[in-house]
Amino acid sequence: MQKESLTAQAIEQFKGGLFCSEAILQVFNEELNLGLNDAAIRMATGFGAGLGASKCSCGSITGAVLVLSALKGRTKKEESVDEVFALTQELHDEFKKRYKATCCRVLTRPVKWGEPEHHQYCEQFVGGAVEILVDILERGNKEKELGEPGSIYRSRS
């Protein structure tokens, strides 16, 4: 996986009018062959602008969590949530460490909401979430190569 390329693609999707959550899910759906249909992709829309424009949880994080959940989530209550929860917590903690917050309202405090500089300012969060997600995914793949628990993602053919 090319971190720089995926980051650039997600930022371009974001610049093109998608919400951060939508951009991240779209890029990784293609990169990882997740097989998500349009209905599944549309589920990312409500996470935009901090959960439906409430400016709460940053859509860059929620978009990345959707990717992790598509890879490691469950469909039956008997299935374990341990791995996806651990990976999601790692994503959250690294994002918070890097940006000092995960709340959209707090992250965007230095800019006026809705102005062009607001959108430009948020590109760093889209890019940062992609970088963190790629690091998590690549680490999981390296563990598989070393004979540790299964690969965290399915690479494109």
C-alpha atoms as a PDB file:
ATOM      1  CA  MET A   1       0.000   0.000   0.000  1.00  0.00           C
ATOM      2  CA  GLN A   2       1.307   3.404  -0.919  1.00  0.00           C
ATOM      3  CA  LYS A   3       0.575   5.701   2.026  1.00  0.00           C
ATOM      4  CA  GLU A   4       1.276   8.886   0.070  1.00  0.00           C
ATOM      5  CA  SER A   5      -0.930   7.814  -2.827  1.00  0.00           C
ATOM      6  CA  LEU A   6      -3.852   6.824  -0.614  1.00  0.00           C
ATOM      7  CA  THR A   7      -3.526  10.047   1.364  1.00  0.00           C
ATOM      8  CA  ALA A   8      -3.535  12.082  -1.855  1.00  0.00           C
ATOM      9  CA  GLN A   9      -6.535  10.168  -3.209  1.00  0.00           C
ATOM     10  CA  ALA A  10      -8.567  10.689  -0.040  1.00  0.00           C
ATOM     11  CA  ILE A  11      -7.715  14.391   0.068  1.00  0.00           C
ATOM     12  CA  GLU A  12      -8.680  14.744  -3.605  1.00  0.00           C
ATOM     13  CA  GLN A  13     -12.023  13.025  -2.936  1.00  0.00           C
ATOM     14  CA  PHE A  14     -12.509  15.375   0.020  1.00  0.00           C
ATOM     15  CA  LYS A  15     -11.591  18.429  -2.064  1.00  0.00           C
ATOM     16  CA  GLY A  16     -13.991  17.159  -4.713  1.00  0.00           C
ATOM     17  CA  GLY A  17     -16.927  17.452  -2.344  1.00  0.00           C
ATOM     18  CA  LEU A  18     -17.135  14.208  -0.379  1.00  0.00           C
ATOM     19  CA  PHE A  19     -17.159  14.340   3.387  1.00  0.00           C
ATOM     20  CA  CYS A  20     -14.004  13.076   5.088  1.00  0.00           C
ATOM     21  CA  SER A  21     -15.745   9.862   6.161  1.00  0.00           C
ATOM     22  CA  GLU A  22     -16.983   9.203   2.623  1.00  0.00           C
ATOM     23  CA  ALA A  23     -13.621   9.956   1.018  1.00  0.00           C
ATOM     24  CA  ILE A  24     -11.705   7.572   3.271  1.00  0.00           C
ATOM     25  CA  LEU A  25     -14.193   4.736   2.872  1.00  0.00           C
ATOM     26  CA  GLN A  26     -14.342   5.169  -0.915  1.00  0.00           C
ATOM     27  CA  VAL A  27     -10.552   5.098  -1.314  1.00  0.00           C
ATOM     28  CA  PHE A  28     -10.063   2.033   0.881  1.00  0.00           C
ATOM     29  CA  ASN A  29     -13.029   0.211  -0.615  1.00  0.00           C
ATOM     30  CA  GLU A  30     -11.225   0.387  -3.938  1.00  0.00           C
ATOM     31  CA  GLU A  31      -7.702  -0.192  -2.607  1.00  0.00           C
ATOM     32  CA  LEU A  32      -8.582  -3.200  -0.477  1.00  0.00           C
ATOM     33  CA  ASN A  33     -11.319  -4.663  -2.677  1.00  0.00           C
ATOM     34  CA  LEU A  34     -13.734  -4.525   0.237  1.00  0.00           C
ATOM     35  CA  GLY A  35     -16.617  -5.153  -2.131  1.00  0.00           C
ATOM     36  CA  LEU A  36     -18.836  -2.554  -0.503  1.00  0.00           C
ATOM     37  CA  ASN A  37     -21.829  -1.684  -2.653  1.00  0.00           C
ATOM     38  CA  ASP A  38     -23.368   1.763  -3.018  1.00  0.00           C
ATOM     39  CA  ALA A  39     -25.661   1.229  -0.031  1.00  0.00           C
ATOM     40  CA  ALA A  40     -22.689   0.399   2.179  1.00  0.00           C
ATOM     41  CA  ILE A  41     -20.736   3.393   0.898  1.00  0.00           C
ATOM     42  CA  ARG A  42     -23.717   5.685   1.536  1.00  0.00           C
ATOM     43  CA  MET A  43     -23.611   4.687   5.208  1.00  0.00           C
ATOM     44  CA  ALA A  44     -20.512   6.896   5.570  1.00  0.00           C
ATOM     45  CA  THR A  45     -22.459  10.053   4.674  1.00  0.00           C
ATOM     46  CA  GLY A  46     -24.088  10.514   8.070  1.00  0.00           C
ATOM     47  CA  PHE A  47     -20.674  10.545   9.733  1.00  0.00           C
ATOM     48  CA  GLY A  48     -19.651  13.675   7.805  1.00  0.00           C
ATOM     49  CA  ALA A  49     -19.025  17.013   9.503  1.00  0.00           C
ATOM     50  CA  GLY A  50     -18.698  15.358  12.889  1.00  0.00           C
ATOM     51  CA  LEU A  51     -21.795  13.132  12.851  1.00  0.00           C
ATOM     52  CA  GLY A  52     -24.404  14.807  10.703  1.00  0.00           C
ATOM     53  CA  ALA A  53     -22.913  18.293  11.023  1.00  0.00           C
ATOM     54  CA  SER A  54     -23.081  18.154  14.836  1.00  0.00           C
ATOM     55  CA  LYS A  55     -19.319  18.776  14.861  1.00  0.00           C
ATOM     56  CA  CYS A  56     -18.805  15.896  17.244  1.00  0.00           C
ATOM     57  CA  SER A  57     -16.581  12.914  16.325  1.00  0.00           C
ATOM     58  CA  CYS A  58     -14.277  13.771  13.409  1.00  0.00           C
ATOM     59  CA  GLY A  59     -15.435  12.137  10.178  1.00  0.00           C
ATOM     60  CA  SER A  60     -11.856  11.238   9.309  1.00  0.00           C
ATOM     61  CA  ILE A  61     -11.774   8.928  12.313  1.00  0.00           C
ATOM     62  CA  THR A  62     -15.223   7.510  11.712  1.00  0.00           C
ATOM     63  CA  GLY A  63     -14.395   6.843   8.055  1.00  0.00           C
ATOM     64  CA  ALA A  64     -11.259   4.964   9.082  1.00  0.00           C
ATOM     65  CA  VAL A  65     -13.249   3.009  11.690  1.00  0.00           C
ATOM     66  CA  LEU A  66     -15.681   1.991   8.943  1.00  0.00           C
ATOM     67  CA  VAL A  67     -12.732   0.553   7.009  1.00  0.00           C
ATOM     68  CA  LEU A  68     -11.470  -1.369  10.039  1.00  0.00           C
ATOM     69  CA  SER A  69     -14.977  -2.636  10.714  1.00  0.00           C
ATOM     70  CA  ALA A  70     -15.423  -3.745   7.096  1.00  0.00           C
ATOM     71  CA  LEU A  71     -12.227  -5.758   7.498  1.00  0.00           C
ATOM     72  CA  LYS A  72     -12.564  -7.076  11.036  1.00  0.00           C
ATOM     73  CA  GLY A  73     -16.133  -6.450  12.147  1.00  0.00           C
ATOM     74  CA  ARG A  74     -18.643  -9.137  12.957  1.00  0.00           C
ATOM     75  CA  THR A  75     -21.979 -10.265  11.614  1.00  0.00           C
ATOM     76  CA  LYS A  76     -22.930 -12.596  14.479  1.00  0.00           C
ATOM     77  CA  LYS A  77     -22.936 -11.986  18.221  1.00  0.00           C
ATOM     78  CA  GLU A  78     -20.781 -15.074  18.751  1.00  0.00           C
ATOM     79  CA  GLU A  79     -17.900 -13.528  16.838  1.00  0.00           C
ATOM     80  CA  SER A  80     -15.235 -11.696  18.791  1.00  0.00           C
ATOM     81  CA  VAL A  81     -14.941  -7.921  18.772  1.00  0.00           C
ATOM     82  CA  ASP A  82     -11.544  -7.961  20.468  1.00  0.00           C
ATOM     83  CA  GLU A  83      -9.418  -7.332  17.381  1.00  0.00           C
ATOM     84  CA  VAL A  84     -11.575  -4.640  15.803  1.00  0.00           C
ATOM     85  CA  PHE A  85     -11.947  -2.875  19.150  1.00  0.00           C
ATOM     86  CA  ALA A  86      -8.181  -2.950  19.764  1.00  0.00           C
ATOM     87  CA  LEU A  87      -7.454  -1.604  16.272  1.00  0.00           C
ATOM     88  CA  THR A  88     -10.124   1.080  16.581  1.00  0.00           C
ATOM     89  CA  GLN A  89      -8.767   2.151  19.951  1.00  0.00           C
ATOM     90  CA  GLU A  90      -5.260   2.322  18.463  1.00  0.00           C
ATOM     91  CA  LEU A  91      -6.544   4.493  15.612  1.00  0.00           C
ATOM     92  CA  HIS A  92      -8.371   6.762  18.056  1.00  0.00           C
ATOM     93  CA  ASP A  93      -5.433   7.065  20.440  1.00  0.00           C
ATOM     94  CA  GLU A  94      -2.904   7.798  17.697  1.00  0.00           C
ATOM     95  CA  PHE A  95      -5.167  10.414  16.103  1.00  0.00           C
ATOM     96  CA  LYS A  96      -5.728  12.059  19.491  1.00  0.00           C
ATOM     97  CA  LYS A  97      -2.007  11.970  20.236  1.00  0.00           C
ATOM     98  CA  ARG A  98      -1.249  13.602  16.886  1.00  0.00           C
ATOM     99  CA  TYR A  99      -4.006  16.261  16.909  1.00  0.00           C
ATOM    100  CA  LYS A 100      -4.809  16.578  20.663  1.00  0.00           C
ATOM    101  CA  ALA A 101      -8.529  15.949  20.042  1.00  0.00           C
ATOM    102  CA  THR A 102     -11.000  13.786  18.125  1.00  0.00           C
ATOM    103  CA  CYS A 103     -13.950  16.180  18.291  1.00  0.00           C
ATOM    104  CA  CYS A 104     -14.600  18.026  15.033  1.00  0.00           C
ATOM    105  CA  ARG A 105     -15.623  21.182  16.912  1.00  0.00           C
ATOM    106  CA  VAL A 106     -12.350  21.230  18.871  1.00  0.00           C
ATOM    107  CA  LEU A 107     -10.186  20.326  15.878  1.00  0.00           C
ATOM    108  CA  THR A 108     -11.667  23.104  13.738  1.00  0.00           C
ATOM    109  CA  ARG A 109     -11.716  25.786  16.439  1.00  0.00           C
ATOM    110  CA  PRO A 110      -8.924  27.823  14.745  1.00  0.00           C
ATOM    111  CA  VAL A 111     -10.998  28.368  11.570  1.00  0.00           C
ATOM    112  CA  LYS A 112     -14.459  29.690  10.756  1.00  0.00           C
ATOM    113  CA  TRP A 113     -16.814  26.772  10.021  1.00  0.00           C
ATOM    114  CA  GLY A 114     -17.945  26.596   6.415  1.00  0.00           C
ATOM    115  CA  GLU A 115     -15.370  29.005   5.012  1.00  0.00           C
ATOM    116  CA  PRO A 116     -12.901  27.776   2.334  1.00  0.00           C
ATOM    117  CA  GLU A 117     -10.034  27.761   4.841  1.00  0.00           C
ATOM    118  CA  HIS A 118     -12.086  25.427   7.043  1.00  0.00           C
ATOM    119  CA  HIS A 119     -12.169  22.805   4.301  1.00  0.00           C
ATOM    120  CA  GLN A 120      -8.447  23.304   3.573  1.00  0.00           C
ATOM    121  CA  TYR A 121      -7.650  23.056   7.274  1.00  0.00           C
ATOM    122  CA  CYS A 122      -9.463  19.719   7.542  1.00  0.00           C
ATOM    123  CA  GLU A 123      -7.336  18.162   4.808  1.00  0.00           C
ATOM    124  CA  GLN A 124      -4.684  17.498   7.463  1.00  0.00           C
ATOM    125  CA  PHE A 125      -7.129  15.335   9.418  1.00  0.00           C
ATOM    126  CA  VAL A 126      -8.179  13.358   6.354  1.00  0.00           C
ATOM    127  CA  GLY A 127      -4.523  12.772   5.493  1.00  0.00           C
ATOM    128  CA  GLY A 128      -3.572  11.967   9.067  1.00  0.00           C
ATOM    129  CA  ALA A 129      -6.354   9.419   9.514  1.00  0.00           C
ATOM    130  CA  VAL A 130      -5.321   7.730   6.259  1.00  0.00           C
ATOM    131  CA  GLU A 131      -1.678   7.607   7.369  1.00  0.00           C
ATOM    132  CA  ILE A 132      -2.574   6.092  10.736  1.00  0.00           C
ATOM    133  CA  LEU A 133      -4.919   3.578   9.107  1.00  0.00           C
ATOM    134  CA  VAL A 134      -2.277   2.514   6.582  1.00  0.00           C
ATOM    135  CA  ASP A 135       0.261   2.045   9.383  1.00  0.00           C
ATOM    136  CA  ILE A 136      -2.182  -0.186  11.266  1.00  0.00           C
ATOM    137  CA  LEU A 137      -3.012  -2.198   8.151  1.00  0.00           C
ATOM    138  CA  GLU A 138       0.603  -2.609   7.090  1.00  0.00           C
ATOM    139  CA  ARG A 139       1.628  -3.726  10.573  1.00  0.00           C
ATOM    140  CA  GLY A 140      -1.100  -6.364  10.466  1.00  0.00           C
ATOM    141  CA  ASN A 141       0.142  -7.593   7.099  1.00  0.00           C
ATOM    142  CA  LYS A 142       3.748  -7.800   8.354  1.00  0.00           C
ATOM    143  CA  GLU A 143       2.567  -9.855  11.323  1.00  0.00           C
ATOM    144  CA  LYS A 144       0.980 -12.312   8.910  1.00  0.00           C
ATOM    145  CA  GLU A 145       4.210 -12.566   6.936  1.00  0.00           C
ATOM    146  CA  LEU A 146       5.983 -13.409  10.189  1.00  0.00           C
ATOM    147  CA  GLY A 147       3.494 -16.173  10.895  1.00  0.00           C
ATOM    148  CA  GLU A 148       1.499 -14.259  13.466  1.00  0.00           C
ATOM    149  CA  PRO A 149      -2.317 -13.869  13.409  1.00  0.00           C
ATOM    150  CA  GLY A 150      -4.032 -13.396  10.020  1.00  0.00           C
ATOM    151  CA  SER A 151      -3.590 -10.496   7.675  1.00  0.00           C
ATOM    152  CA  ILE A 152      -5.616  -7.469   8.532  1.00  0.00           C
ATOM    153  CA  TYR A 153      -6.408  -6.651   4.915  1.00  0.00           C
ATOM    154  CA  ARG A 154      -6.878  -8.215   1.567  1.00  0.00           C
ATOM    155  CA  SER A 155      -4.653  -6.557  -0.981  1.00  0.00           C
ATOM    156  CA  ARG A 156      -5.834  -5.860  -4.505  1.00  0.00           C
ATOM    157  CA  SER A 157      -5.162  -8.504  -7.116  1.00  0.00           C
END
